[in-house]
Amino acid sequence: MKGSDSTLNKTVVDRVGRRVTYHYPPKRIVSLCPGITDTLFALDLEEKIVGRTRFCIFPKDKAENVPAVAGTKDIKLEAIQAVQPDLIIVEKEENTKEIVDALEKYFPVYVAEVQSVGEAFRMIEEMGNLTDRIEAAAKLVSSIQQQFDSLPKAHEKRIAYVIWRKPYMVVGKDTYINSLLEKIGFINPFINAEGRYPAVSAEDFQKANLDYVFLASEPFPFKEKHLGEFIDMMPETKPILVDGEMFWYGPRMLEAAHYFQQHLGI
């Protein structure tokens, strides 16, 4: 139980079907996914988190106090071994199978998966189940759902969410961001393209008959200077700079609804 010094072995099945046995509740957690790290802090696990990636920056007043032991696509095995985790949490998209293969030789590794708004809620609940924070997880999910009731309505406006330049890359099918856009009411024509983050050309943009183009602040840092190239490419389409961190799953979802109301311009 929470607050007890006792532990027991617990076996769970992760989102890719692997059986994971670990000491429950875990006392030393390494998280290699920014949205999951943020979630663990929100579940009052600050004293249990002993490792993160360099991209795990939220909450800013707490994450910086935890050692950065990896990226999302690379790890520092010696640094992870040094913090002696009893559970490592990764995410199927954010991290690689090679990372899981390397780490599971030494530690219990749980693989989560988030490709939709619904799966984001499920992930929060999973983190509560894994860490003996079931009630806190349920409260966080309920709070986000209440905020999402006030999401703006796009009324089937057509959109592209652009994450990269040279080549242009956009959000496609089976992604949390696309699921969130659809929940707001957008139509993303690039869900029919091959891949979850397809590369597209200027001609592809022009043929898509878009109402809006969202230019994200990350992973490519789109800025004011980039607006002109999209205006020249599609004079009838409105380009909007958006904070990519507001499209992260986890506790950022609490801020997202208000941000969307204020900044999407729909």
Protein backbone atom coordinates (compact mmCIF):
# COMPACT_ATOMS: atom_id res chain seq x y z
CA MET A 1 0.00 0.00 0.00
CA LYS A 2 1.04 3.62 -0.48
CA GLY A 3 3.26 4.78 2.31
CA SER A 4 4.43 1.28 3.20
CA ASP A 5 8.08 0.25 3.14
CA SER A 6 7.14 -3.24 2.04
CA THR A 7 7.42 -4.34 -1.59
CA LEU A 8 6.32 -7.39 -3.51
CA ASN A 9 6.93 -8.73 -6.96
CA LYS A 10 4.20 -7.79 -9.41
CA THR A 11 3.81 -8.99 -12.99
CA VAL A 12 1.99 -6.93 -15.60
CA VAL A 13 1.61 -7.11 -19.37
CA ASP A 14 2.75 -3.98 -21.20
CA ARG A 15 1.28 -2.46 -24.37
CA VAL A 16 3.37 -4.62 -26.71
CA GLY A 17 2.44 -7.84 -24.92
CA ARG A 18 5.57 -8.30 -22.84
CA ARG A 19 5.29 -9.70 -19.32
CA VAL A 20 7.13 -7.39 -16.91
CA THR A 21 7.92 -8.37 -13.32
CA TYR A 22 9.12 -5.67 -10.95
CA HIS A 23 9.12 -4.66 -7.29
CA TYR A 24 5.79 -3.02 -6.41
CA PRO A 25 5.42 -0.24 -5.70
CA PRO A 26 8.59 0.87 -7.48
CA LYS A 27 10.92 3.11 -5.49
CA ARG A 28 13.40 4.05 -8.23
CA ILE A 29 11.86 4.88 -11.61
CA VAL A 30 13.54 5.90 -14.86
CA SER A 31 11.22 7.38 -17.49
CA LEU A 32 12.39 7.77 -21.08
CA CYS A 33 9.36 9.61 -22.49
CA PRO A 34 8.69 13.31 -21.78
CA GLY A 35 4.91 13.01 -21.50
CA ILE A 36 5.21 10.03 -19.17
CA THR A 37 7.84 11.72 -17.00
CA ASP A 38 5.54 14.72 -16.69
CA THR A 39 2.70 12.38 -15.73
CA LEU A 40 4.75 10.66 -13.03
CA PHE A 41 5.52 14.01 -11.42
CA ALA A 42 1.82 14.88 -11.55
CA LEU A 43 1.11 11.66 -9.65
CA ASP A 44 3.29 12.86 -6.76
CA LEU A 45 6.20 10.53 -7.54
CA GLU A 46 8.90 13.17 -7.35
CA GLU A 47 10.88 11.24 -4.75
CA LYS A 48 10.74 8.06 -6.85
CA ILE A 49 11.97 9.42 -10.20
CA VAL A 50 15.72 8.86 -10.49
CA GLY A 51 16.31 9.25 -14.23
CA ARG A 52 14.84 10.97 -17.29
CA THR A 53 15.76 11.96 -20.84
CA ARG A 54 17.23 15.35 -21.64
CA PHE A 55 13.93 16.13 -23.37
CA CYS A 56 11.90 15.53 -20.19
CA ILE A 57 11.61 19.19 -19.20
CA PHE A 58 8.25 19.29 -17.39
CA PRO A 59 7.48 20.26 -14.71
CA LYS A 60 10.33 22.72 -15.11
CA ASP A 61 10.85 23.33 -11.41
CA LYS A 62 11.25 19.61 -10.70
CA ALA A 63 12.48 17.77 -13.79
CA GLU A 64 15.78 19.63 -13.79
CA ASN A 65 16.60 18.09 -10.41
CA VAL A 66 16.52 14.56 -11.87
CA PRO A 67 19.61 13.23 -13.70
CA ALA A 68 19.31 13.09 -17.50
CA VAL A 69 20.44 9.57 -18.35
CA ALA A 70 19.32 9.32 -21.99
CA GLY A 71 17.73 10.85 -25.02
CA THR A 72 14.62 9.33 -26.49
CA LYS A 73 16.59 7.49 -29.18
CA ASP A 74 19.86 6.99 -27.29
CA ILE A 75 20.80 5.97 -23.77
CA LYS A 76 23.74 6.22 -21.41
CA LEU A 77 23.72 2.68 -20.08
CA GLU A 78 26.31 3.35 -17.37
CA ALA A 79 24.34 6.37 -16.15
CA ILE A 80 21.16 4.32 -15.98
CA GLN A 81 22.94 1.53 -14.15
CA ALA A 82 24.32 4.07 -11.69
CA VAL A 83 20.83 5.16 -10.55
CA GLN A 84 19.77 1.51 -10.06
CA PRO A 85 16.15 1.68 -11.24
CA ASP A 86 13.68 -0.98 -10.21
CA LEU A 87 11.41 0.04 -13.13
CA ILE A 88 12.09 1.72 -16.47
CA ILE A 89 9.17 3.11 -18.45
CA VAL A 90 9.44 3.72 -22.21
CA GLU A 91 6.96 4.54 -24.98
CA LYS A 92 6.74 2.63 -28.24
CA GLU A 93 6.98 5.66 -30.55
CA GLU A 94 9.33 7.81 -28.50
CA ASN A 95 11.88 5.07 -27.82
CA THR A 96 13.34 2.29 -29.95
CA LYS A 97 13.13 -1.49 -29.74
CA GLU A 98 16.94 -1.50 -29.53
CA ILE A 99 16.74 0.56 -26.33
CA VAL A 100 14.24 -1.86 -24.84
CA ASP A 101 16.38 -4.84 -25.85
CA ALA A 102 19.46 -3.30 -24.25
CA LEU A 103 17.79 -2.28 -21.00
CA GLU A 104 15.69 -5.38 -20.34
CA LYS A 105 18.90 -7.37 -19.90
CA TYR A 106 19.39 -5.52 -16.62
CA PHE A 107 16.09 -3.99 -15.50
CA PRO A 108 12.32 -4.42 -15.74
CA VAL A 109 11.14 -2.32 -18.72
CA TYR A 110 7.49 -1.40 -19.29
CA VAL A 111 6.52 -0.28 -22.80
CA ALA A 112 3.56 2.13 -22.99
CA GLU A 113 1.90 3.29 -26.20
CA VAL A 114 -0.02 6.49 -26.95
CA GLN A 115 -1.49 7.10 -30.41
CA SER A 116 -4.76 8.80 -29.50
CA VAL A 117 -6.46 10.96 -26.89
CA GLY A 118 -8.12 7.87 -25.47
CA GLU A 119 -4.79 6.10 -25.17
CA ALA A 120 -3.35 9.17 -23.42
CA PHE A 121 -6.00 8.77 -20.72
CA ARG A 122 -5.27 5.04 -20.58
CA MET A 123 -1.55 5.75 -20.17
CA ILE A 124 -2.21 7.98 -17.16
CA GLU A 125 -4.30 5.24 -15.59
CA GLU A 126 -1.57 2.69 -16.36
CA MET A 127 1.01 4.85 -14.61
CA GLY A 128 -1.27 4.98 -11.58
CA ASN A 129 -1.61 1.21 -11.60
CA LEU A 130 2.13 0.66 -12.00
CA THR A 131 3.10 2.99 -9.16
CA ASP A 132 0.31 2.71 -6.58
CA ARG A 133 -1.20 6.06 -7.52
CA ILE A 134 -4.54 4.83 -8.83
CA GLU A 135 -6.65 7.54 -7.17
CA ALA A 136 -4.34 10.36 -8.24
CA ALA A 137 -4.37 9.08 -11.82
CA ALA A 138 -8.16 8.95 -11.89
CA LYS A 139 -8.34 12.55 -10.63
CA LEU A 140 -5.88 13.71 -13.28
CA VAL A 141 -7.87 12.03 -16.05
CA SER A 142 -11.11 13.55 -14.75
CA SER A 143 -9.55 17.04 -14.61
CA ILE A 144 -8.27 16.77 -18.19
CA GLN A 145 -11.62 15.51 -19.45
CA GLN A 146 -13.35 18.48 -17.84
CA GLN A 147 -10.92 20.86 -19.54
CA PHE A 148 -11.39 19.10 -22.87
CA ASP A 149 -15.11 19.81 -22.67
CA SER A 150 -14.17 23.40 -23.54
CA LEU A 151 -12.07 22.58 -26.60
CA PRO A 152 -12.78 24.91 -29.52
CA LYS A 153 -14.76 23.55 -32.46
CA ALA A 154 -13.20 23.61 -35.91
CA HIS A 155 -16.29 22.40 -37.78
CA GLU A 156 -14.45 20.24 -40.32
CA LYS A 157 -11.86 22.81 -41.33
CA ARG A 158 -8.99 21.22 -43.23
CA ILE A 159 -5.57 21.37 -41.61
CA ALA A 160 -1.96 20.28 -41.82
CA TYR A 161 0.21 20.11 -38.70
CA VAL A 162 3.81 20.60 -39.85
CA ILE A 163 6.66 19.26 -37.72
CA TRP A 164 9.67 19.56 -40.05
CA ARG A 165 11.18 21.60 -42.86
CA LYS A 166 13.49 20.38 -45.65
CA PRO A 167 11.74 18.12 -46.25
CA TYR A 168 8.35 19.20 -45.02
CA MET A 169 6.90 16.57 -42.70
CA VAL A 170 3.39 16.53 -41.29
CA VAL A 171 1.42 14.64 -38.69
CA GLY A 172 -0.44 11.69 -40.17
CA LYS A 173 -2.54 8.75 -39.05
CA ASP A 174 -2.29 6.86 -35.76
CA THR A 175 -0.79 9.74 -33.78
CA TYR A 176 -1.88 11.49 -30.62
CA ILE A 177 -1.65 14.88 -32.34
CA ASN A 178 -3.94 13.83 -35.17
CA SER A 179 -6.39 12.35 -32.68
CA LEU A 180 -6.42 15.65 -30.79
CA LEU A 181 -6.96 17.63 -33.99
CA GLU A 182 -9.86 15.35 -34.91
CA LYS A 183 -11.36 15.79 -31.44
CA ILE A 184 -11.37 19.56 -32.04
CA GLY A 185 -13.12 18.93 -35.35
CA PHE A 186 -10.35 19.34 -37.93
CA ILE A 187 -9.97 17.20 -41.03
CA ASN A 188 -6.38 16.15 -41.72
CA PRO A 189 -6.10 15.07 -45.38
CA PHE A 190 -2.65 13.62 -44.75
CA ILE A 191 -3.98 10.69 -42.74
CA ASN A 192 -4.27 9.02 -46.14
CA ALA A 193 -0.54 9.40 -46.81
CA GLU A 194 1.85 6.58 -46.09
CA GLY A 195 3.40 6.62 -42.63
CA ARG A 196 2.55 8.34 -39.40
CA TYR A 197 4.70 11.39 -40.16
CA PRO A 198 4.76 11.58 -43.96
CA ALA A 199 7.05 13.80 -45.99
CA VAL A 200 5.06 16.11 -48.28
CA SER A 201 5.85 18.53 -51.08
CA ALA A 202 4.63 22.04 -51.84
CA GLU A 203 2.40 20.49 -54.48
CA ASP A 204 0.93 18.13 -51.87
CA PHE A 205 0.08 21.10 -49.67
CA GLN A 206 -1.53 22.94 -52.56
CA LYS A 207 -3.64 19.96 -53.59
CA ALA A 208 -4.88 19.40 -50.02
CA ASN A 209 -7.20 22.45 -50.11
CA LEU A 210 -6.25 23.47 -46.57
CA ASP A 211 -7.91 26.08 -44.39
CA TYR A 212 -5.06 26.20 -41.88
CA VAL A 213 -1.44 25.15 -41.54
CA PHE A 214 -0.14 24.74 -38.00
CA LEU A 215 3.62 25.29 -37.80
CA ALA A 216 4.88 23.66 -34.63
CA SER A 217 7.61 25.00 -32.36
CA GLU A 218 9.16 21.55 -32.14
CA PRO A 219 10.82 19.33 -33.20
CA PHE A 220 11.63 21.87 -35.94
CA PRO A 221 11.44 25.38 -34.46
CA PHE A 222 9.12 27.16 -36.86
CA LYS A 223 9.13 30.93 -36.30
CA GLU A 224 7.63 34.11 -37.73
CA LYS A 225 10.19 34.14 -40.54
CA HIS A 226 8.74 30.90 -41.91
CA LEU A 227 5.18 32.17 -42.29
CA GLY A 228 5.92 33.86 -45.61
CA GLU A 229 6.89 30.69 -47.42
CA PHE A 230 3.53 29.12 -46.60
CA ILE A 231 1.62 32.28 -47.53
CA ASP A 232 3.43 32.30 -50.87
CA MET A 233 2.73 28.59 -51.33
CA MET A 234 -0.95 28.76 -50.36
CA PRO A 235 -2.30 32.34 -50.33
CA GLU A 236 -5.80 31.19 -49.30
CA THR A 237 -4.54 29.13 -46.34
CA LYS A 238 -3.89 30.66 -42.93
CA PRO A 239 -0.55 29.65 -41.33
CA ILE A 240 -0.49 29.69 -37.52
CA LEU A 241 2.53 29.21 -35.26
CA VAL A 242 1.67 26.80 -32.45
CA ASP A 243 3.39 25.71 -29.27
CA GLY A 244 4.22 22.07 -29.93
CA GLU A 245 4.42 21.35 -26.21
CA MET A 246 0.68 21.98 -25.96
CA PHE A 247 0.24 18.93 -28.19
CA TRP A 248 2.03 16.63 -25.72
CA TYR A 249 0.00 14.07 -23.81
CA GLY A 250 0.04 13.94 -20.03
CA PRO A 251 -0.43 16.94 -17.71
CA ARG A 252 0.19 19.39 -20.58
CA MET A 253 -3.32 18.40 -21.65
CA LEU A 254 -4.63 20.46 -18.71
CA GLU A 255 -3.16 23.61 -20.28
CA ALA A 256 -4.00 22.65 -23.84
CA ALA A 257 -7.72 23.45 -23.86
CA HIS A 258 -7.18 27.03 -22.66
CA TYR A 259 -4.23 27.47 -25.03
CA PHE A 260 -6.28 26.27 -27.99
CA GLN A 261 -9.11 28.65 -27.14
CA GLN A 262 -6.70 31.57 -27.00
CA HIS A 263 -4.26 30.84 -29.82
CA LEU A 264 -5.63 28.64 -32.58
CA GLY A 265 -7.59 31.43 -34.21
CA ILE A 266 -10.42 29.18 -35.44
